[in-house]
Every structure is written in structure tokens, then in C-alpha cells.
N, C-alpha and C. Protein backbone atom coordinates (compact mmCIF):
# COMPACT_ATOMS: atom_id res chain seq x y z
N ARG A 1 80.49 135.00 56.56
CA ARG A 1 81.76 134.30 56.40
C ARG A 1 81.96 133.43 57.60
N GLY A 2 82.40 132.18 57.33
CA GLY A 2 82.73 131.20 58.56
C GLY A 2 84.07 131.55 59.14
N ARG A 3 83.97 131.44 60.49
CA ARG A 3 85.14 131.85 61.10
C ARG A 3 86.29 130.83 60.90
N GLU A 4 85.89 129.53 60.89
CA GLU A 4 87.07 128.61 60.82
C GLU A 4 87.18 128.14 59.40
N THR A 5 86.17 128.01 58.53
CA THR A 5 86.52 127.76 57.08
C THR A 5 86.63 128.90 56.01
N GLY A 6 85.97 130.10 56.49
CA GLY A 6 86.04 131.08 55.45
C GLY A 6 85.22 130.99 54.45
N TYR A 7 84.14 129.97 54.39
CA TYR A 7 83.21 129.88 53.36
C TYR A 7 82.00 130.72 53.67
N GLU A 8 81.37 131.13 52.38
CA GLU A 8 80.08 131.91 52.64
C GLU A 8 78.92 131.16 52.09
N TYR A 9 77.83 131.43 52.55
CA TYR A 9 76.44 130.73 52.11
C TYR A 9 75.71 131.91 51.94
N ARG A 10 74.95 132.05 50.82
CA ARG A 10 74.00 132.95 50.47
C ARG A 10 72.65 132.39 50.20
N LEU A 11 71.64 133.11 50.40
CA LEU A 11 70.18 132.59 50.22
C LEU A 11 69.94 132.09 48.95
N GLY A 12 69.48 130.78 48.92
CA GLY A 12 69.56 130.01 47.63
C GLY A 12 70.42 129.11 47.17
N ASP A 13 71.71 129.30 47.88
CA ASP A 13 72.80 128.37 47.66
C ASP A 13 72.30 126.85 47.92
N PRO A 14 72.63 125.85 47.04
CA PRO A 14 72.40 124.49 47.49
C PRO A 14 73.50 124.02 48.40
N VAL A 15 72.94 123.35 49.37
CA VAL A 15 74.07 122.79 50.41
C VAL A 15 73.54 121.29 50.77
N GLU A 16 74.33 120.59 51.22
CA GLU A 16 74.09 119.37 51.91
C GLU A 16 74.39 119.31 53.37
N ILE A 17 73.32 118.90 54.28
CA ILE A 17 73.70 118.98 55.75
C ILE A 17 73.27 117.58 56.32
N LEU A 18 73.74 117.43 57.58
CA LEU A 18 73.53 116.12 58.22
C LEU A 18 72.78 116.77 59.59
N VAL A 19 71.70 116.07 60.00
CA VAL A 19 71.12 116.46 61.14
C VAL A 19 71.76 115.48 62.35
N SER A 20 72.63 116.25 62.98
CA SER A 20 73.47 115.40 64.04
C SER A 20 72.70 115.26 65.45
N GLU A 21 71.84 116.22 65.81
CA GLU A 21 71.05 116.02 66.96
C GLU A 21 69.72 116.86 66.77
N ALA A 22 68.69 116.20 67.49
CA ALA A 22 67.35 116.90 67.35
C ALA A 22 66.75 116.52 68.73
N ASP A 23 66.23 117.65 69.34
CA ASP A 23 65.65 117.42 70.86
C ASP A 23 64.19 117.94 70.56
N PRO A 24 63.18 116.95 70.68
CA PRO A 24 61.78 117.34 70.39
C PRO A 24 61.16 118.14 71.54
N ILE A 25 61.76 118.04 72.77
CA ILE A 25 61.28 118.85 73.95
C ILE A 25 61.53 120.21 73.71
N THR A 26 62.78 120.67 73.36
CA THR A 26 63.02 122.18 73.25
C THR A 26 62.86 122.49 71.79
N GLY A 27 62.78 121.64 70.85
CA GLY A 27 62.63 121.95 69.48
C GLY A 27 63.97 122.26 68.75
N SER A 28 65.15 122.02 69.51
CA SER A 28 66.36 122.53 68.76
C SER A 28 66.88 121.39 68.17
N THR A 29 67.73 121.81 67.04
CA THR A 29 68.29 120.88 66.01
C THR A 29 69.76 121.33 65.92
N VAL A 30 70.63 120.47 65.64
CA VAL A 30 72.07 120.86 65.34
C VAL A 30 72.37 120.21 63.86
N PHE A 31 72.97 121.01 63.05
CA PHE A 31 73.39 120.50 61.79
C PHE A 31 74.73 120.59 61.48
N GLN A 32 75.27 119.65 60.75
CA GLN A 32 76.61 119.76 60.12
C GLN A 32 76.49 119.84 58.59
N MET A 33 77.50 120.68 58.25
CA MET A 33 77.48 121.13 56.70
C MET A 33 78.43 119.98 56.15
N LEU A 34 77.72 119.30 55.03
CA LEU A 34 78.62 118.20 54.38
C LEU A 34 79.25 118.89 53.19
N SER A 35 78.45 119.66 52.31
CA SER A 35 78.96 120.42 51.08
C SER A 35 78.35 121.61 50.77
N GLY A 36 78.88 122.59 50.04
CA GLY A 36 78.23 123.71 49.55
C GLY A 36 79.16 124.84 50.08
N GLY A 37 78.74 125.98 49.50
CA GLY A 37 79.33 127.26 50.04
C GLY A 37 80.50 127.73 49.04
N THR A 38 80.88 128.88 49.08
CA THR A 38 81.94 129.41 48.20
C THR A 38 83.09 129.90 49.14
N PRO A 39 84.33 130.10 48.55
CA PRO A 39 85.48 130.71 49.38
C PRO A 39 85.08 132.07 49.52
N GLY A 40 85.13 132.65 50.73
CA GLY A 40 84.94 134.07 50.83
C GLY A 40 86.03 134.87 50.48
N LYS A 41 85.74 136.19 50.26
CA LYS A 41 86.87 137.21 49.94
C LYS A 41 87.40 137.58 51.38
N LYS A 42 88.73 137.88 51.28
CA LYS A 42 89.42 138.40 52.54
C LYS A 42 88.99 139.78 52.82
N PRO A 43 88.78 140.11 54.24
CA PRO A 43 88.30 141.40 54.62
C PRO A 43 89.20 142.43 54.23
N SER A 44 88.64 143.56 53.82
CA SER A 44 89.50 144.63 53.59
C SER A 44 90.21 145.20 54.63
N VAL A 45 91.45 145.58 54.55
CA VAL A 45 92.24 146.07 55.88
C VAL A 45 92.00 147.52 56.15
N THR A 46 91.82 148.28 55.04
CA THR A 46 91.66 149.78 55.30
C THR A 46 90.35 150.22 54.73
N ARG A 47 89.65 151.19 55.16
CA ARG A 47 88.43 151.72 54.87
C ARG A 47 88.59 153.19 54.81
N PRO A 48 87.95 153.81 53.80
CA PRO A 48 88.08 155.40 53.69
C PRO A 48 87.46 155.85 54.89
N PRO A 49 87.78 157.04 55.44
CA PRO A 49 87.12 157.52 56.48
C PRO A 49 85.79 158.19 56.04
N LYS A 50 84.71 158.10 56.88
CA LYS A 50 83.53 158.71 56.53
C LYS A 50 83.62 160.24 56.71
N SER A 51 82.99 160.96 55.70
CA SER A 51 82.88 162.44 55.86
C SER A 51 81.61 162.93 55.43
N ALA A 52 81.37 164.15 55.70
CA ALA A 52 79.87 164.78 55.51
C ALA A 52 80.04 165.08 53.94
N LYS A 53 78.79 165.15 53.47
CA LYS A 53 78.62 165.41 52.09
C LYS A 53 79.08 166.97 51.90
N PRO A 54 79.92 167.21 50.71
CA PRO A 54 80.30 168.52 50.54
C PRO A 54 79.22 169.46 50.22
N GLY A 55 79.34 170.55 50.76
CA GLY A 55 78.34 171.53 50.72
C GLY A 55 77.25 171.57 51.65
N LYS A 56 77.13 170.51 52.64
CA LYS A 56 76.19 170.45 53.38
C LYS A 56 76.73 170.94 54.83
N PRO A 57 76.10 172.08 55.45
CA PRO A 57 76.55 172.59 56.68
C PRO A 57 76.04 171.61 57.86
N LYS A 58 76.93 171.63 58.94
CA LYS A 58 76.68 170.87 60.07
C LYS A 58 75.78 171.52 60.89
N GLY A 59 74.70 170.90 61.66
CA GLY A 59 73.87 171.42 62.73
C GLY A 59 74.52 171.97 63.90
N LYS A 60 73.76 172.80 64.36
CA LYS A 60 74.24 173.38 65.80
C LYS A 60 74.21 172.35 66.85
N SER A 61 75.11 172.34 67.72
CA SER A 61 75.17 171.37 68.81
C SER A 61 74.03 171.79 69.87
N ARG A 62 73.66 170.86 70.69
CA ARG A 62 72.61 171.30 71.64
C ARG A 62 73.01 172.31 72.67
N ALA A 63 74.44 172.22 72.90
CA ALA A 63 74.87 173.18 73.86
C ALA A 63 74.76 174.72 73.35
N SER A 64 75.14 174.68 72.08
CA SER A 64 75.10 176.06 71.49
C SER A 64 73.78 176.59 71.35
N ARG A 65 72.80 175.73 71.11
CA ARG A 65 71.52 176.13 71.00
C ARG A 65 70.88 176.75 72.43
N ARG A 66 71.25 175.97 73.34
CA ARG A 66 70.90 176.34 74.78
C ARG A 66 71.47 177.56 75.14
N GLN A 67 72.54 177.92 74.82
CA GLN A 67 73.44 179.00 75.15
C GLN A 67 72.88 180.39 74.32
N ALA A 68 72.40 180.20 73.09
CA ALA A 68 71.77 181.26 72.26
C ALA A 68 70.33 181.65 72.91
N ARG A 69 69.66 180.57 73.47
CA ARG A 69 68.42 180.66 73.91
C ARG A 69 68.36 181.65 75.32
N LYS A 70 69.57 181.40 76.08
CA LYS A 70 69.63 182.12 77.38
C LYS A 70 69.82 183.64 76.93
N GLY A 71 70.54 184.11 75.93
CA GLY A 71 70.44 185.41 75.61
C GLY A 71 71.83 185.97 75.81
């Protein structure tokens, strides 16, 4: 999503551009978008918390394994 315009561009979307600068020594080019893209979705404000899969036990921590080895 574009920071200023909020438009999204996906692979295969037809767009029109203008080559505004080209430097043959470094091989760099600067483009300007003339048309194309679609208005993006607003980012979601809240996300559900990540949780472990139910029924799956957590592994032992490194410290607890070390302590068990000491005896």
C-alpha cells in the first residue's frame, strides 16, 4: 500500500508510468506512476492474540533442562 496515496499494485496489474530519470552509468531509473492501482483497504486496528494450539504441550526451557541434568 502506498504511504501517500493508499493505492495497491499487484503483480499483473496494468499501469502507466513515465521514466523521469535514467542514469546509464549507475543503471538507476526513476519512474512516476501515471495511472493504475486500486484503493487499498484500511489496516485493521486490532488483531487477535496468538496462542498455542490447544492440546499441544509447551517444551521445557533451556534452564530447566540444564537444572535436570545437574541432578
